[in-house]
Protein backbone atom coordinates (compact mmCIF):
# COMPACT_ATOMS: atom_id res chain seq x y z
CA MET A 1 0.05 0.06 0.08
CA ASP A 2 1.72 3.02 -1.18
CA MET A 3 1.24 6.12 0.97
CA ILE A 4 2.83 9.44 2.34
CA HIS A 5 2.58 10.94 5.62
CA VAL A 6 1.70 14.49 5.80
CA ARG A 7 2.78 16.67 8.92
CA ALA A 8 1.32 20.28 9.13
CA VAL A 9 1.11 23.17 11.33
CA SER A 10 -2.06 25.25 10.80
CA PRO A 11 -3.16 28.63 12.17
CA PRO A 12 -6.21 27.97 14.40
CA ASP A 13 -8.46 30.33 12.11
CA LEU A 14 -7.53 28.04 9.36
CA THR A 15 -7.62 24.43 10.97
CA ALA A 16 -11.18 23.90 10.50
CA ARG A 17 -11.14 24.18 6.60
CA VAL A 18 -7.83 22.22 6.73
CA VAL A 19 -9.44 19.36 8.56
CA GLY A 20 -12.59 19.54 6.61
CA ARG A 21 -10.87 19.16 3.43
CA LEU A 22 -8.76 16.06 4.86
CA ALA A 23 -11.79 14.45 6.68
CA GLY A 24 -13.87 14.52 3.41
CA ASP A 25 -11.27 12.65 1.38
CA PRO A 26 -11.51 8.81 1.68
CA SER A 27 -7.76 8.61 0.40
CA VAL A 28 -6.86 10.26 3.79
CA LEU A 29 -6.17 7.95 6.64
CA ASN A 30 -5.19 8.24 10.33
CA LEU A 31 -6.10 11.94 10.68
CA ILE A 32 -4.82 13.47 13.90
CA VAL A 33 -5.58 17.14 15.06
CA GLN A 34 -3.81 18.65 18.35
CA PRO A 35 -5.14 22.11 18.86
CA GLY A 36 -2.41 24.44 19.98
CA ALA A 37 0.28 21.71 20.05
CA ALA A 38 2.88 23.17 17.62
CA ARG A 39 5.56 25.74 18.12
CA ASN A 40 7.68 27.48 15.77
CA PRO A 41 5.33 28.17 13.93
CA ASP A 42 2.80 28.22 16.49
CA GLY A 43 -0.58 26.70 15.74
CA ASP A 44 -2.58 23.40 15.72
CA ALA A 45 -0.68 20.10 14.84
CA VAL A 46 -2.21 18.31 11.97
CA ALA A 47 -0.88 14.80 10.82
CA CYS A 48 -2.36 12.27 8.33
CA ASP A 49 -1.47 9.45 5.97
CA VAL A 50 -2.50 9.92 2.40
CA LEU A 51 -2.72 7.43 -0.39
CA THR A 52 -0.07 8.06 -2.89
CA GLY A 53 -2.29 8.22 -5.87
CA ALA A 54 -4.34 11.13 -4.15
CA ALA A 55 -1.30 12.93 -2.56
CA ASN A 56 -1.19 15.56 -5.75
CA ASP A 57 -4.86 16.40 -5.29
CA VAL A 58 -4.50 16.65 -1.51
CA LEU A 59 -1.21 18.79 -1.32
CA ARG A 60 -2.76 20.99 -4.14
CA ALA A 61 -5.77 21.75 -1.96
CA LEU A 62 -3.64 22.50 1.12
CA ARG A 63 -1.67 25.04 -0.79
CA ALA A 64 -4.92 26.53 -2.22
CA LEU A 65 -5.76 27.09 1.37
CA HIS A 66 -2.39 28.85 1.86
CA LEU A 67 -1.35 26.40 4.51
CA ASP A 68 2.16 26.28 3.30
CA SER A 69 2.67 29.99 3.43
CA ARG A 70 0.63 30.69 6.73
CA GLY A 71 1.80 27.32 8.45
CA SER A 72 3.87 24.72 7.30
CA VAL A 73 3.78 21.10 5.46
CA VAL A 74 6.32 18.57 5.79
CA ILE A 75 5.91 15.24 3.60
CA GLU A 76 7.53 11.90 4.67
CA PRO A 77 7.52 8.57 2.58
CA VAL A 78 6.00 5.66 4.36
CA ASP A 79 7.93 2.65 3.98
CA VAL A 80 5.72 0.00 5.42
CA ALA A 81 2.10 0.22 6.25
CA PHE A 82 -0.40 -2.36 7.61
CA ALA A 83 -3.54 -0.94 5.92
CA GLY A 84 -6.94 -1.66 6.73
CA GLY A 85 -10.31 -1.84 4.82
CA ALA A 86 -10.46 1.94 4.66
CA ALA A 87 -7.10 2.09 2.94
CA GLU A 88 -8.13 -0.97 0.62
CA ALA A 89 -11.21 1.00 -0.50
CA GLY A 90 -9.60 4.23 -1.06
CA THR A 91 -7.10 2.50 -3.17
CA ARG A 92 -9.83 0.68 -5.35
CA GLN A 93 -11.74 4.03 -5.78
CA LEU A 94 -8.22 5.64 -7.03
CA GLY A 95 -7.72 2.87 -9.77
CA ALA A 96 -4.87 3.65 -12.02
CA ARG A 97 -4.16 6.79 -10.15
CA ALA A 98 -2.89 4.68 -7.16
CA HIS A 99 0.46 4.68 -8.57
CA ALA A 100 0.71 8.23 -9.78
CA PRO A 101 3.97 10.07 -8.58
CA VAL A 102 3.77 12.70 -6.03
CA TRP A 103 5.30 15.61 -7.89
CA ASP A 104 6.05 17.65 -4.64
CA GLN A 105 8.42 14.80 -3.82
CA VAL A 106 9.55 14.38 -7.30
CA GLU A 107 10.54 18.10 -7.56
CA ALA A 108 12.14 17.93 -4.02
CA ARG A 109 14.30 15.34 -4.96
CA ILE A 110 15.43 17.09 -8.08
CA ARG A 111 16.12 20.23 -6.36
CA ALA A 112 18.14 18.48 -3.69
CA GLU A 113 20.33 17.04 -6.54
CA GLY A 114 20.58 20.80 -8.01
CA THR A 115 22.71 22.12 -5.08
CA TYR A 116 26.24 22.69 -5.97
CA ALA A 117 28.23 22.61 -2.82
CA PRO A 118 32.24 22.38 -2.90
CA SER A 119 31.73 18.38 -2.96
CA PHE A 120 29.83 18.73 -6.41
CA TYR A 121 33.08 20.05 -7.97
CA LEU A 122 35.45 17.79 -5.98
CA TYR A 123 33.55 14.67 -7.05
CA LEU A 124 33.74 15.83 -10.51
CA VAL A 125 37.45 16.29 -10.41
CA ILE A 126 37.94 12.88 -8.73
CA ALA A 127 35.76 11.06 -11.21
CA GLY A 128 37.88 12.78 -13.96
CA LEU A 129 41.07 11.61 -12.39
CA ILE A 130 39.74 8.03 -12.32
CA GLY A 131 38.67 8.06 -15.87
CA ALA A 132 42.01 9.27 -16.96
CA VAL A 133 43.48 6.30 -15.11
CA GLY A 134 40.96 4.15 -16.98
CA ILE A 135 41.85 5.58 -20.35
CA VAL A 136 45.69 5.13 -19.98
CA THR A 137 45.41 1.77 -18.68
CA ASN A 138 42.56 0.75 -21.00
CA SER A 139 40.43 -0.38 -18.22
CA GLN A 140 36.77 -0.36 -18.61
CA ILE A 141 36.03 -1.08 -15.18
CA LEU A 142 37.85 2.09 -13.96
CA ILE A 143 35.62 4.22 -16.51
CA VAL A 144 32.56 2.60 -15.09
CA ALA A 145 33.72 3.53 -11.68
CA ALA A 146 34.32 7.32 -13.00
CA MET A 147 30.69 7.37 -14.27
CA VAL A 148 29.27 6.23 -10.95
CA VAL A 149 31.46 8.78 -8.95
CA GLY A 150 30.59 11.59 -11.29
CA PRO A 151 27.50 13.92 -9.92
CA GLU A 152 26.75 15.72 -13.12
CA TYR A 153 23.51 14.17 -13.81
CA GLY A 154 21.95 15.88 -10.82
CA ALA A 155 22.77 19.21 -12.38
CA VAL A 156 21.26 17.79 -15.76
CA VAL A 157 17.89 16.99 -14.24
CA SER A 158 17.86 20.23 -12.22
CA ILE A 159 18.24 22.31 -15.39
CA ALA A 160 15.44 20.04 -17.20
CA LEU A 161 13.21 20.84 -14.17
CA GLY A 162 14.18 24.65 -14.57
CA ILE A 163 13.23 24.57 -18.23
CA ASP A 164 9.90 22.67 -17.48
CA ARG A 165 9.12 25.21 -14.84
CA ARG A 166 10.32 28.15 -16.65
CA ASP A 167 12.70 28.91 -13.87
CA GLY A 168 15.51 30.73 -15.68
CA ARG A 169 17.48 31.00 -12.37
CA ARG A 170 17.78 27.22 -11.72
CA VAL A 171 18.67 26.76 -15.53
CA ARG A 172 21.53 29.26 -15.22
CA GLN A 173 22.82 27.89 -11.95
CA GLY A 174 22.93 24.44 -13.36
CA LEU A 175 24.63 25.36 -16.58
CA ARG A 176 27.29 27.54 -14.71
CA ALA A 177 27.79 24.46 -12.40
CA LEU A 178 28.24 22.01 -15.20
CA LEU A 179 30.58 24.77 -17.17
CA LEU A 180 32.73 25.21 -14.08
CA GLY A 181 32.74 21.74 -12.90
CA PHE A 182 33.95 20.19 -16.12
CA THR A 183 36.38 22.84 -16.67
CA LEU A 184 37.90 22.04 -13.30
CA ALA A 185 37.85 18.43 -14.04
CA VAL A 186 39.54 18.74 -17.29
CA VAL A 187 42.20 21.05 -16.04
CA ALA A 188 42.97 18.85 -13.17
CA THR A 189 42.85 15.78 -15.26
CA PHE A 190 45.16 17.51 -17.94
CA LEU A 191 47.77 18.13 -15.10
CA PHE A 192 47.48 14.54 -13.83
CA SER A 193 47.83 13.19 -17.51
CA LEU A 194 50.99 15.31 -18.04
CA LEU A 195 52.34 13.74 -15.06
CA ILE A 196 51.44 10.16 -16.20
CA ARG A 197 53.29 11.05 -19.57
CA GLY A 198 56.24 12.61 -17.98
CA PHE A 199 57.00 9.57 -16.01
CA GLY A 200 55.92 7.09 -18.57
CA PHE A 201 53.14 5.53 -16.18
CA GLU A 202 50.89 4.65 -19.11
CA SER A 203 50.40 1.30 -20.49
CA LYS A 204 52.62 0.02 -23.12
CA ALA A 205 49.65 -0.61 -25.29
CA PHE A 206 48.47 2.91 -24.79
CA SER A 207 51.87 4.45 -25.66
CA VAL A 208 51.89 2.46 -29.01
CA GLY A 209 48.43 3.54 -29.90
CA VAL A 210 46.29 0.58 -28.94
CA ARG A 211 43.58 2.50 -26.93
CA PRO A 212 40.23 0.82 -27.44
CA VAL A 213 38.74 2.59 -24.38
CA SER A 214 39.72 5.91 -25.58
CA GLN A 215 38.29 5.16 -29.09
CA LEU A 216 34.91 4.07 -27.78
CA ILE A 217 34.74 7.70 -26.04
CA ASP A 218 36.31 9.91 -28.69
CA THR A 219 34.04 8.46 -31.55
CA PRO A 220 30.50 10.00 -31.22
CA GLY A 221 27.83 8.83 -33.69
CA PHE A 222 24.31 7.49 -33.77
CA PHE A 223 24.78 5.38 -30.92
CA SER A 224 25.89 8.26 -28.64
CA PHE A 225 22.51 9.97 -29.24
CA ALA A 226 20.54 6.78 -28.82
CA VAL A 227 21.94 5.90 -25.49
CA ALA A 228 21.86 9.40 -24.17
CA GLY A 229 18.35 9.63 -25.10
CA LEU A 230 17.44 6.40 -23.58
CA ALA A 231 19.26 7.24 -20.48
CA GLY A 232 17.63 10.58 -20.04
CA ILE A 233 14.31 8.81 -20.26
CA VAL A 234 15.14 6.27 -17.77
CA GLY A 235 16.69 8.63 -15.51
CA ILE A 236 13.60 10.98 -15.13
CA ILE A 237 11.36 7.80 -14.73
CA SER A 238 13.52 6.50 -12.12
CA LEU A 239 13.54 9.74 -10.17
CA THR A 240 9.74 10.08 -10.17
CA GLU A 241 9.59 6.45 -9.01
CA ALA A 242 12.24 6.71 -6.63
CA ARG A 243 14.22 3.75 -8.20
CA THR A 244 17.83 4.05 -7.31
CA SER A 245 18.93 1.06 -9.02
CA ALA A 246 17.56 2.33 -12.33
CA LEU A 247 19.21 5.71 -11.78
CA LEU A 248 22.52 3.90 -11.09
CA GLY A 249 22.17 2.38 -14.47
CA VAL A 250 21.76 5.96 -15.94
CA PHE A 251 25.00 6.99 -14.10
CA ILE A 252 27.23 4.11 -16.00
CA SER A 253 25.55 4.66 -19.43
CA VAL A 254 26.08 8.30 -20.24
CA THR A 255 29.44 9.37 -21.65
CA THR A 256 30.08 12.74 -19.71
CA ILE A 257 33.00 12.07 -17.31
CA PRO A 258 34.70 9.69 -19.38
CA ALA A 259 34.59 12.25 -22.34
CA ALA A 260 35.78 15.03 -20.11
CA ALA A 261 38.78 12.83 -18.95
CA ASP A 262 39.60 11.90 -22.40
CA ILE A 263 39.60 15.63 -23.63
CA ALA A 264 42.30 16.06 -20.98
CA VAL A 265 44.16 13.02 -21.79
CA SER A 266 44.09 13.48 -25.41
CA VAL A 267 45.57 16.94 -25.15
CA ALA A 268 48.18 15.94 -22.59
CA PHE A 269 49.29 13.23 -25.36
CA SER A 270 48.79 15.76 -28.33
CA SER A 271 45.99 13.62 -29.78
CA TRP A 272 44.11 16.57 -31.19
CA SER A 273 41.39 14.74 -33.02
CA GLU A 274 40.55 12.46 -30.17
CA ALA A 275 40.32 15.59 -27.96
CA ARG A 276 37.90 17.14 -30.41
CA GLY A 277 35.94 13.94 -30.72
CA SER A 278 35.65 13.65 -26.90
CA LEU A 279 34.49 17.17 -26.84
CA VAL A 280 31.66 16.55 -29.23
CA GLN A 281 30.70 13.45 -27.32
CA LEU A 282 30.52 15.49 -24.13
CA LEU A 283 28.33 18.16 -25.57
CA VAL A 284 26.06 15.54 -27.34
CA ASN A 285 25.34 13.85 -23.96
CA ILE A 286 24.66 16.95 -21.95
CA VAL A 287 22.41 18.43 -24.47
CA VAL A 288 20.45 15.31 -25.40
CA LEU A 289 20.08 14.58 -21.72
CA ILE A 290 18.68 17.91 -20.90
CA VAL A 291 16.41 17.86 -23.83
CA VAL A 292 15.07 14.45 -23.37
CA GLY A 293 14.68 15.01 -19.63
CA THR A 294 12.66 18.05 -20.05
CA CYS A 295 10.40 16.23 -22.57
CA THR A 296 10.12 13.21 -20.29
CA LEU A 297 8.95 15.43 -17.23
CA ARG A 298 6.23 17.08 -19.40
CA TRP A 299 5.35 13.67 -21.07
CA GLN A 300 4.86 12.05 -17.72
CA ARG A 301 2.78 15.00 -16.22
CA GLU A 302 0.67 14.94 -19.14
CA ILE A 303 0.03 11.22 -18.89
CA TRP A 304 -1.05 11.39 -15.25
CA ARG A 305 -3.18 14.31 -15.82
CA ARG A 306 -4.99 12.46 -18.55
CA VAL A 307 -5.27 9.44 -16.09
CA ALA A 308 -6.82 11.70 -13.44
CA ALA A 309 -9.11 13.29 -16.02
CA ARG A 310 -10.65 9.78 -16.52
CA ARG A 311 -12.01 9.61 -13.08
CA ALA A 312 -15.53 10.65 -13.17
CA PRO A 313 -16.55 13.53 -10.93
CA ALA A 314 -19.03 11.20 -8.92
CA ASP A 315 -15.90 9.16 -7.87
CA ARG A 316 -13.95 12.06 -6.52
CA PRO A 317 -14.53 13.17 -2.97
CA GLN A 318 -16.66 16.29 -2.37
CA ARG A 319 -15.04 19.20 -0.82
CA PRO A 320 -17.00 20.69 2.12
CA SER A 321 -17.94 24.25 2.27
CA PRO A 322 -15.22 26.69 3.60
CA GLY A 323 -16.87 26.94 6.99
CA GLY A 324 -17.55 23.22 7.17
CA ASN A 325 -16.18 20.74 9.76
């Protein structure tokens, strides 16, 4: 039984309307009201569990009452619930909507990924260094490790959300973080690669031009677009459904960090055509991920909007009058 837990602080003059809205919805369970129990902000404590499929409607109604601005609303996932007959009846009434994403949670996860602390840039630099070792030693395992360490996909989806929500500030922040982060990664990896070349630490195969890992990275083509596009779709879906295993698969399928590392290694070893190919590969992956991510977000919203629209008005809970209890 999928549900979320909602904790709210309501101003006393608003509590009757909030409780009336929640109590009149069969998808709201375990409603608890404690008058005057909350502090900072002060008000009435209201808590309930909401079936996931109805959460978007319930949260939208609470925002319409300005509960988020006049009080506070906190959403928590419910990992395990032993639901009774009321929950089962509510789930049956929701039908296909029972598995709808909770968009407030989805956007909160994406916004959390779109924060660029110093560790974001440190992870990019370290991922680039690991990628460089993988390239000069022809180790595909290290290339995969670099992909997993790289945090750039968080910035990509944050940009996609900014485009979807027409939030220019979020888009600019994400693009700036990607530009600065990859620049730092390339510069650090270039210096590291010069050290490798100077001391002759590269593998013998790499030094004589046998570079299968590098060739996979610096030759963008149809499959570069295809894999980036598919990864962009899966990435957004895994975020909306909170499937970390699928999201990990996205990290190890897009050629961003390996391309940045290969730019630095190729320049350090004076392989100019390979550096150009890796730069194209990096740009292709980032652009395709952003475009596909934005389209997938809008596509998912539209699909679930249509699923909700199929519900007959008679099947939906009736809202009480503004002064009702």
